[in-house]
């Protein structure tokens, strides 16, 4: 589960909601849940889309999907170590 931690570190209401969601998954399905820091994922995705010369409308359609790719890749990189 992506964890939207503030840049200065403290956990606010959004991360708490994500943690509550993860707890529901864990309890309902018995699945392990891992939280992945998602700071700067949208910034990285935006940079790639701007470099690709996508129009604002096209960027808006795919920005969240690309940010999710960055979050997942960060998790995969962390477990590969």
PDB file of N, CA and C in Angstrom:
ATOM      1  N   UNK A   1       0.853  -1.167   0.000  1.00  0.00           N
ATOM      2  CA  UNK A   1       0.000   0.000   0.000  1.00  0.00           C
ATOM      3  C   UNK A   1       0.897   1.227   0.000  1.00  0.00           C
ATOM      4  N   UNK A   2       0.639   2.150  -0.913  1.00  0.00           N
ATOM      5  CA  UNK A   2       1.387   3.399  -0.937  1.00  0.00           C
ATOM      6  C   UNK A   2       1.103   4.214   0.311  1.00  0.00           C
ATOM      7  N   UNK A   3       2.144   4.755   0.892  1.00  0.00           N
ATOM      8  CA  UNK A   3       2.012   5.526   2.122  1.00  0.00           C
ATOM      9  C   UNK A   3       2.444   6.961   1.857  1.00  0.00           C
ATOM     10  N   UNK A   4       1.477   7.893   1.793  1.00  0.00           N
ATOM     11  CA  UNK A   4       1.792   9.289   1.473  1.00  0.00           C
ATOM     12  C   UNK A   4       2.327  10.052   2.688  1.00  0.00           C
ATOM     13  N   UNK A   5       3.589   9.827   2.984  1.00  0.00           N
ATOM     14  CA  UNK A   5       4.240  10.486   4.114  1.00  0.00           C
ATOM     15  C   UNK A   5       4.603  11.914   3.709  1.00  0.00           C
ATOM     16  N   UNK A   6       4.454  12.847   4.635  1.00  0.00           N
ATOM     17  CA  UNK A   6       4.857  14.229   4.381  1.00  0.00           C
ATOM     18  C   UNK A   6       6.373  14.289   4.198  1.00  0.00           C
ATOM     19  N   UNK A   7       6.839  15.291   3.485  1.00  0.00           N
ATOM     20  CA  UNK A   7       8.274  15.421   3.234  1.00  0.00           C
ATOM     21  C   UNK A   7       9.067  15.592   4.530  1.00  0.00           C
ATOM     22  N   UNK A   8       8.460  16.176   5.550  1.00  0.00           N
ATOM     23  CA  UNK A   8       9.165  16.365   6.819  1.00  0.00           C
ATOM     24  C   UNK A   8       9.007  15.161   7.748  1.00  0.00           C
ATOM     25  N   UNK A   9       8.312  14.107   7.277  1.00  0.00           N
ATOM     26  CA  UNK A   9       8.290  12.850   7.991  1.00  0.00           C
ATOM     27  C   UNK A   9       7.073  12.475   8.814  1.00  0.00           C
ATOM     28  N   UNK A  10       6.389  13.404   9.493  1.00  0.00           N
ATOM     29  CA  UNK A  10       5.301  12.944  10.354  1.00  0.00           C
ATOM     30  C   UNK A  10       4.139  12.350   9.575  1.00  0.00           C
ATOM     31  N   UNK A  11       3.498  11.412  10.209  1.00  0.00           N
ATOM     32  CA  UNK A  11       2.338  10.770   9.602  1.00  0.00           C
ATOM     33  C   UNK A  11       1.108  11.611   9.913  1.00  0.00           C
ATOM     34  N   UNK A  12       0.400  12.020   8.876  1.00  0.00           N
ATOM     35  CA  UNK A  12      -0.814  12.819   9.043  1.00  0.00           C
ATOM     36  C   UNK A  12      -2.048  11.994   8.754  1.00  0.00           C
ATOM     37  N   UNK A  13      -3.167  12.634   8.423  1.00  0.00           N
ATOM     38  CA  UNK A  13      -4.419  11.908   8.216  1.00  0.00           C
ATOM     39  C   UNK A  13      -4.413  10.988   6.995  1.00  0.00           C
ATOM     40  N   UNK A  14      -3.773  11.379   5.905  1.00  0.00           N
ATOM     41  CA  UNK A  14      -3.766  10.525   4.708  1.00  0.00           C
ATOM     42  C   UNK A  14      -3.025   9.214   4.952  1.00  0.00           C
ATOM     43  N   UNK A  15      -1.816   9.243   5.512  1.00  0.00           N
ATOM     44  CA  UNK A  15      -1.147   7.972   5.797  1.00  0.00           C
ATOM     45  C   UNK A  15      -1.935   7.111   6.783  1.00  0.00           C
ATOM     46  N   UNK A  16      -2.588   7.732   7.740  1.00  0.00           N
ATOM     47  CA  UNK A  16      -3.380   6.969   8.707  1.00  0.00           C
ATOM     48  C   UNK A  16      -4.528   6.243   8.006  1.00  0.00           C
ATOM     49  N   UNK A  17      -5.144   6.888   7.009  1.00  0.00           N
ATOM     50  CA  UNK A  17      -6.220   6.232   6.243  1.00  0.00           C
ATOM     51  C   UNK A  17      -5.660   5.062   5.443  1.00  0.00           C
ATOM     52  N   UNK A  18      -4.477   5.232   4.867  1.00  0.00           N
ATOM     53  CA  UNK A  18      -3.848   4.144   4.105  1.00  0.00           C
ATOM     54  C   UNK A  18      -3.509   2.969   5.015  1.00  0.00           C
ATOM     55  N   UNK A  19      -3.036   3.268   6.211  1.00  0.00           N
ATOM     56  CA  UNK A  19      -2.720   2.201   7.162  1.00  0.00           C
ATOM     57  C   UNK A  19      -3.993   1.481   7.612  1.00  0.00           C
ATOM     58  N   UNK A  20      -5.072   2.219   7.780  1.00  0.00           N
ATOM     59  CA  UNK A  20      -6.351   1.594   8.143  1.00  0.00           C
ATOM     60  C   UNK A  20      -6.836   0.687   7.012  1.00  0.00           C
ATOM     61  N   UNK A  21      -6.656   1.127   5.768  1.00  0.00           N
ATOM     62  CA  UNK A  21      -7.018   0.313   4.608  1.00  0.00           C
ATOM     63  C   UNK A  21      -6.178  -0.962   4.578  1.00  0.00           C
ATOM     64  N   UNK A  22      -4.883  -0.844   4.810  1.00  0.00           N
ATOM     65  CA  UNK A  22      -4.006  -2.008   4.845  1.00  0.00           C
ATOM     66  C   UNK A  22      -4.430  -2.985   5.932  1.00  0.00           C
ATOM     67  N   UNK A  23      -4.839  -2.463   7.073  1.00  0.00           N
ATOM     68  CA  UNK A  23      -5.291  -3.312   8.180  1.00  0.00           C
ATOM     69  C   UNK A  23      -6.550  -4.078   7.785  1.00  0.00           C
ATOM     70  N   UNK A  24      -7.468  -3.398   7.066  1.00  0.00           N
ATOM     71  CA  UNK A  24      -8.685  -4.069   6.600  1.00  0.00           C
ATOM     72  C   UNK A  24      -8.349  -5.216   5.650  1.00  0.00           C
ATOM     73  N   UNK A  25      -7.420  -4.989   4.746  1.00  0.00           N
ATOM     74  CA  UNK A  25      -7.004  -6.039   3.806  1.00  0.00           C
ATOM     75  C   UNK A  25      -6.415  -7.214   4.573  1.00  0.00           C
ATOM     76  N   UNK A  26      -5.518  -6.906   5.489  1.00  0.00           N
ATOM     77  CA  UNK A  26      -4.850  -7.950   6.274  1.00  0.00           C
ATOM     78  C   UNK A  26      -5.873  -8.782   7.052  1.00  0.00           C
ATOM     79  N   UNK A  27      -6.829  -8.113   7.692  1.00  0.00           N
ATOM     80  CA  UNK A  27      -7.820  -8.821   8.495  1.00  0.00           C
ATOM     81  C   UNK A  27      -8.846  -9.574   7.649  1.00  0.00           C
ATOM     82  N   UNK A  28      -9.281  -8.966   6.547  1.00  0.00           N
ATOM     83  CA  UNK A  28     -10.320  -9.583   5.720  1.00  0.00           C
ATOM     84  C   UNK A  28      -9.794 -10.745   4.885  1.00  0.00           C
ATOM     85  N   UNK A  29      -8.576 -10.605   4.388  1.00  0.00           N
ATOM     86  CA  UNK A  29      -8.042 -11.600   3.458  1.00  0.00           C
ATOM     87  C   UNK A  29      -6.892 -12.417   4.032  1.00  0.00           C
ATOM     88  N   UNK A  30      -6.377 -11.994   5.179  1.00  0.00           N
ATOM     89  CA  UNK A  30      -5.248 -12.702   5.768  1.00  0.00           C
ATOM     90  C   UNK A  30      -3.968 -12.554   4.964  1.00  0.00           C
ATOM     91  N   UNK A  31      -3.896 -11.482   4.210  1.00  0.00           N
ATOM     92  CA  UNK A  31      -2.721 -11.244   3.369  1.00  0.00           C
ATOM     93  C   UNK A  31      -1.728 -10.344   4.096  1.00  0.00           C
ATOM     94  N   UNK A  32      -0.443 -10.560   3.849  1.00  0.00           N
ATOM     95  CA  UNK A  32       0.533  -9.634   4.416  1.00  0.00           C
ATOM     96  C   UNK A  32       0.430  -8.289   3.697  1.00  0.00           C
ATOM     97  N   UNK A  33       0.611  -7.240   4.441  1.00  0.00           N
ATOM     98  CA  UNK A  33       0.526  -5.889   3.873  1.00  0.00           C
ATOM     99  C   UNK A  33       1.828  -5.163   4.158  1.00  0.00           C
ATOM    100  N   UNK A  34       2.389  -4.571   3.122  1.00  0.00           N
ATOM    101  CA  UNK A  34       3.602  -3.778   3.243  1.00  0.00           C
ATOM    102  C   UNK A  34       3.272  -2.359   2.809  1.00  0.00           C
ATOM    103  N   UNK A  35       3.860  -1.387   3.476  1.00  0.00           N
ATOM    104  CA  UNK A  35       3.628   0.018   3.128  1.00  0.00           C
ATOM    105  C   UNK A  35       4.865   0.554   2.422  1.00  0.00           C
ATOM    106  N   UNK A  36       4.639   1.275   1.344  1.00  0.00           N
ATOM    107  CA  UNK A  36       5.734   1.811   0.546  1.00  0.00           C
ATOM    108  C   UNK A  36       5.639   3.334   0.513  1.00  0.00           C
ATOM    109  N   UNK A  37       6.703   3.971   0.915  1.00  0.00           N
ATOM    110  CA  UNK A  37       6.785   5.433   0.875  1.00  0.00           C
ATOM    111  C   UNK A  37       6.567   5.897  -0.561  1.00  0.00           C
ATOM    112  N   UNK A  38       5.611   6.779  -0.741  1.00  0.00           N
ATOM    113  CA  UNK A  38       5.324   7.246  -2.101  1.00  0.00           C
ATOM    114  C   UNK A  38       5.707   8.706  -2.338  1.00  0.00           C
ATOM    115  N   UNK A  39       6.534   9.232  -1.432  1.00  0.00           N
ATOM    116  CA  UNK A  39       6.984  10.615  -1.628  1.00  0.00           C
ATOM    117  C   UNK A  39       7.682  10.760  -2.973  1.00  0.00           C
ATOM    118  N   UNK A  40       7.393  11.833  -3.649  1.00  0.00           N
ATOM    119  CA  UNK A  40       7.996  12.243  -4.915  1.00  0.00           C
ATOM    120  C   UNK A  40       7.664  11.335  -6.101  1.00  0.00           C
ATOM    121  N   UNK A  41       6.782  10.354  -5.930  1.00  0.00           N
ATOM    122  CA  UNK A  41       6.424   9.496  -7.064  1.00  0.00           C
ATOM    123  C   UNK A  41       5.702  10.299  -8.149  1.00  0.00           C
ATOM    124  N   UNK A  42       4.821  11.202  -7.758  1.00  0.00           N
ATOM    125  CA  UNK A  42       4.113  12.024  -8.740  1.00  0.00           C
ATOM    126  C   UNK A  42       5.062  13.004  -9.406  1.00  0.00           C
ATOM    127  N   UNK A  43       6.011  13.533  -8.662  1.00  0.00           N
ATOM    128  CA  UNK A  43       7.004  14.452  -9.233  1.00  0.00           C
ATOM    129  C   UNK A  43       7.833  13.730 -10.290  1.00  0.00           C
ATOM    130  N   UNK A  44       8.270  12.516  -9.987  1.00  0.00           N
ATOM    131  CA  UNK A  44       9.065  11.738 -10.947  1.00  0.00           C
ATOM    132  C   UNK A  44       8.244  11.416 -12.189  1.00  0.00           C
ATOM    133  N   UNK A  45       6.991  11.037 -12.002  1.00  0.00           N
ATOM    134  CA  UNK A  45       6.127  10.729 -13.136  1.00  0.00           C
ATOM    135  C   UNK A  45       5.894  11.968 -13.995  1.00  0.00           C
ATOM    136  N   UNK A  46       5.654  13.097 -13.346  1.00  0.00           N
ATOM    137  CA  UNK A  46       5.443  14.346 -14.075  1.00  0.00           C
ATOM    138  C   UNK A  46       6.662  14.700 -14.923  1.00  0.00           C
ATOM    139  N   UNK A  47       7.836  14.523 -14.355  1.00  0.00           N
ATOM    140  CA  UNK A  47       9.075  14.829 -15.080  1.00  0.00           C
ATOM    141  C   UNK A  47       9.199  13.980 -16.343  1.00  0.00           C
ATOM    142  N   UNK A  48       8.917  12.681 -16.209  1.00  0.00           N
ATOM    143  CA  UNK A  48       9.009  11.781 -17.367  1.00  0.00           C
ATOM    144  C   UNK A  48       7.995  12.178 -18.432  1.00  0.00           C
ATOM    145  N   UNK A  49       6.793  12.496 -18.027  1.00  0.00           N
ATOM    146  CA  UNK A  49       5.758  12.863 -18.991  1.00  0.00           C
ATOM    147  C   UNK A  49       6.063  14.191 -19.673  1.00  0.00           C
ATOM    148  N   UNK A  50       6.628  15.127 -18.940  1.00  0.00           N
ATOM    149  CA  UNK A  50       7.029  16.403 -19.546  1.00  0.00           C
ATOM    150  C   UNK A  50       8.152  16.203 -20.556  1.00  0.00           C
ATOM    151  N   UNK A  51       9.114  15.348 -20.194  1.00  0.00           N
ATOM    152  CA  UNK A  51      10.214  15.056 -21.124  1.00  0.00           C
ATOM    153  C   UNK A  51       9.703  14.367 -22.382  1.00  0.00           C
ATOM    154  N   UNK A  52       8.596  13.615 -22.235  1.00  0.00           N
ATOM    155  CA  UNK A  52       7.994  12.937 -23.380  1.00  0.00           C
ATOM    156  C   UNK A  52       7.108  13.837 -24.218  1.00  0.00           C
ATOM    157  N   UNK A  53       7.014  15.100 -23.837  1.00  0.00           N
ATOM    158  CA  UNK A  53       6.240  16.096 -24.583  1.00  0.00           C
ATOM    159  C   UNK A  53       4.749  15.770 -24.666  1.00  0.00           C
ATOM    160  N   UNK A  54       4.195  15.142 -23.640  1.00  0.00           N
ATOM    161  CA  UNK A  54       2.771  14.858 -23.632  1.00  0.00           C
ATOM    162  C   UNK A  54       1.995  16.129 -23.312  1.00  0.00           C
ATOM    163  N   UNK A  55       0.843  16.254 -23.931  1.00  0.00           N
ATOM    164  CA  UNK A  55      -0.004  17.415 -23.665  1.00  0.00           C
ATOM    165  C   UNK A  55      -0.522  17.341 -22.229  1.00  0.00           C
ATOM    166  N   UNK A  56      -0.969  18.453 -21.739  1.00  0.00           N
ATOM    167  CA  UNK A  56      -1.500  18.513 -20.371  1.00  0.00           C
ATOM    168  C   UNK A  56      -2.653  17.516 -20.193  1.00  0.00           C
ATOM    169  N   UNK A  57      -3.534  17.433 -21.178  1.00  0.00           N
ATOM    170  CA  UNK A  57      -4.685  16.520 -21.095  1.00  0.00           C
ATOM    171  C   UNK A  57      -4.234  15.067 -21.019  1.00  0.00           C
ATOM    172  N   UNK A  58      -3.236  14.713 -21.828  1.00  0.00           N
ATOM    173  CA  UNK A  58      -2.737  13.331 -21.806  1.00  0.00           C
ATOM    174  C   UNK A  58      -1.999  13.031 -20.508  1.00  0.00           C
ATOM    175  N   UNK A  59      -1.254  14.008 -20.005  1.00  0.00           N
ATOM    176  CA  UNK A  59      -0.550  13.812 -18.717  1.00  0.00           C
ATOM    177  C   UNK A  59      -1.546  13.555 -17.607  1.00  0.00           C
ATOM    178  N   UNK A  60      -2.628  14.316 -17.611  1.00  0.00           N
ATOM    179  CA  UNK A  60      -3.646  14.191 -16.561  1.00  0.00           C
ATOM    180  C   UNK A  60      -4.247  12.786 -16.547  1.00  0.00           C
ATOM    181  N   UNK A  61      -4.380  12.166 -17.718  1.00  0.00           N
ATOM    182  CA  UNK A  61      -4.982  10.836 -17.812  1.00  0.00           C
ATOM    183  C   UNK A  61      -4.068   9.740 -17.270  1.00  0.00           C
ATOM    184  N   UNK A  62      -2.754   9.931 -17.337  1.00  0.00           N
ATOM    185  CA  UNK A  62      -1.840   8.830 -17.002  1.00  0.00           C
ATOM    186  C   UNK A  62      -0.944   9.082 -15.795  1.00  0.00           C
ATOM    187  N   UNK A  63      -0.982  10.273 -15.221  1.00  0.00           N
ATOM    188  CA  UNK A  63      -0.041  10.624 -14.158  1.00  0.00           C
ATOM    189  C   UNK A  63      -0.146   9.684 -12.957  1.00  0.00           C
ATOM    190  N   UNK A  64      -1.360   9.362 -12.529  1.00  0.00           N
ATOM    191  CA  UNK A  64      -1.530   8.497 -11.359  1.00  0.00           C
ATOM    192  C   UNK A  64      -1.054   7.074 -11.644  1.00  0.00           C
ATOM    193  N   UNK A  65      -1.293   6.602 -12.864  1.00  0.00           N
ATOM    194  CA  UNK A  65      -0.835   5.256 -13.233  1.00  0.00           C
ATOM    195  C   UNK A  65       0.683   5.178 -13.230  1.00  0.00           C
ATOM    196  N   UNK A  66       1.327   6.193 -13.775  1.00  0.00           N
ATOM    197  CA  UNK A  66       2.783   6.198 -13.817  1.00  0.00           C
ATOM    198  C   UNK A  66       3.371   6.356 -12.412  1.00  0.00           C
ATOM    199  N   UNK A  67       2.753   7.167 -11.594  1.00  0.00           N
ATOM    200  CA  UNK A  67       3.207   7.309 -10.205  1.00  0.00           C
ATOM    201  C   UNK A  67       3.086   5.972  -9.477  1.00  0.00           C
ATOM    202  N   UNK A  68       2.013   5.222  -9.744  1.00  0.00           N
ATOM    203  CA  UNK A  68       1.847   3.893  -9.142  1.00  0.00           C
ATOM    204  C   UNK A  68       2.955   2.944  -9.591  1.00  0.00           C
ATOM    205  N   UNK A  69       3.379   3.078 -10.839  1.00  0.00           N
ATOM    206  CA  UNK A  69       4.495   2.267 -11.335  1.00  0.00           C
ATOM    207  C   UNK A  69       5.763   2.578 -10.544  1.00  0.00           C
ATOM    208  N   UNK A  70       6.011   3.846 -10.277  1.00  0.00           N
ATOM    209  CA  UNK A  70       7.187   4.242  -9.487  1.00  0.00           C
ATOM    210  C   UNK A  70       7.107   3.673  -8.062  1.00  0.00           C
ATOM    211  N   UNK A  71       5.929   3.699  -7.473  1.00  0.00           N
ATOM    212  CA  UNK A  71       5.757   3.162  -6.116  1.00  0.00           C
ATOM    213  C   UNK A  71       6.020   1.659  -6.116  1.00  0.00           C
ATOM    214  N   UNK A  72       5.436   0.947  -7.078  1.00  0.00           N
ATOM    215  CA  UNK A  72       5.640  -0.497  -7.164  1.00  0.00           C
ATOM    216  C   UNK A  72       7.106  -0.831  -7.419  1.00  0.00           C
ATOM    217  N   UNK A  73       7.740  -0.089  -8.304  1.00  0.00           N
ATOM    218  CA  UNK A  73       9.154  -0.347  -8.593  1.00  0.00           C
ATOM    219  C   UNK A  73      10.009  -0.115  -7.356  1.00  0.00           C
ATOM    220  N   UNK A  74       9.682   0.899  -6.588  1.00  0.00           N
ATOM    221  CA  UNK A  74      10.403   1.145  -5.340  1.00  0.00           C
ATOM    222  C   UNK A  74      10.274  -0.035  -4.389  1.00  0.00           C
ATOM    223  N   UNK A  75       9.076  -0.602  -4.294  1.00  0.00           N
ATOM    224  CA  UNK A  75       8.870  -1.761  -3.437  1.00  0.00           C
ATOM    225  C   UNK A  75       9.665  -2.958  -3.952  1.00  0.00           C
ATOM    226  N   UNK A  76       9.560  -3.230  -5.262  1.00  0.00           N
ATOM    227  CA  UNK A  76      10.289  -4.361  -5.834  1.00  0.00           C
ATOM    228  C   UNK A  76      11.800  -4.215  -5.637  1.00  0.00           C
ATOM    229  N   UNK A  77      12.304  -3.010  -5.802  1.00  0.00           N
ATOM    230  CA  UNK A  77      13.731  -2.764  -5.567  1.00  0.00           C
ATOM    231  C   UNK A  77      14.110  -3.035  -4.119  1.00  0.00           C
ATOM    232  N   UNK A  78      13.214  -2.676  -3.200  1.00  0.00           N
ATOM    233  CA  UNK A  78      13.529  -2.840  -1.781  1.00  0.00           C
ATOM    234  C   UNK A  78      13.552  -4.313  -1.368  1.00  0.00           C
ATOM    235  N   UNK A  79      12.709  -5.142  -1.967  1.00  0.00           N
ATOM    236  CA  UNK A  79      12.713  -6.554  -1.584  1.00  0.00           C
ATOM    237  C   UNK A  79      13.787  -7.348  -2.325  1.00  0.00           C
ATOM    238  N   UNK A  80      14.325  -6.785  -3.397  1.00  0.00           N
ATOM    239  CA  UNK A  80      15.373  -7.472  -4.149  1.00  0.00           C
ATOM    240  C   UNK A  80      16.724  -7.397  -3.432  1.00  0.00           C
ATOM    241  N   UNK A  81      16.846  -6.474  -2.483  1.00  0.00           N
ATOM    242  CA  UNK A  81      18.126  -6.273  -1.803  1.00  0.00           C
ATOM    243  C   UNK A  81      18.367  -7.316  -0.745  1.00  0.00           C
TER     244      UNK A  81
END
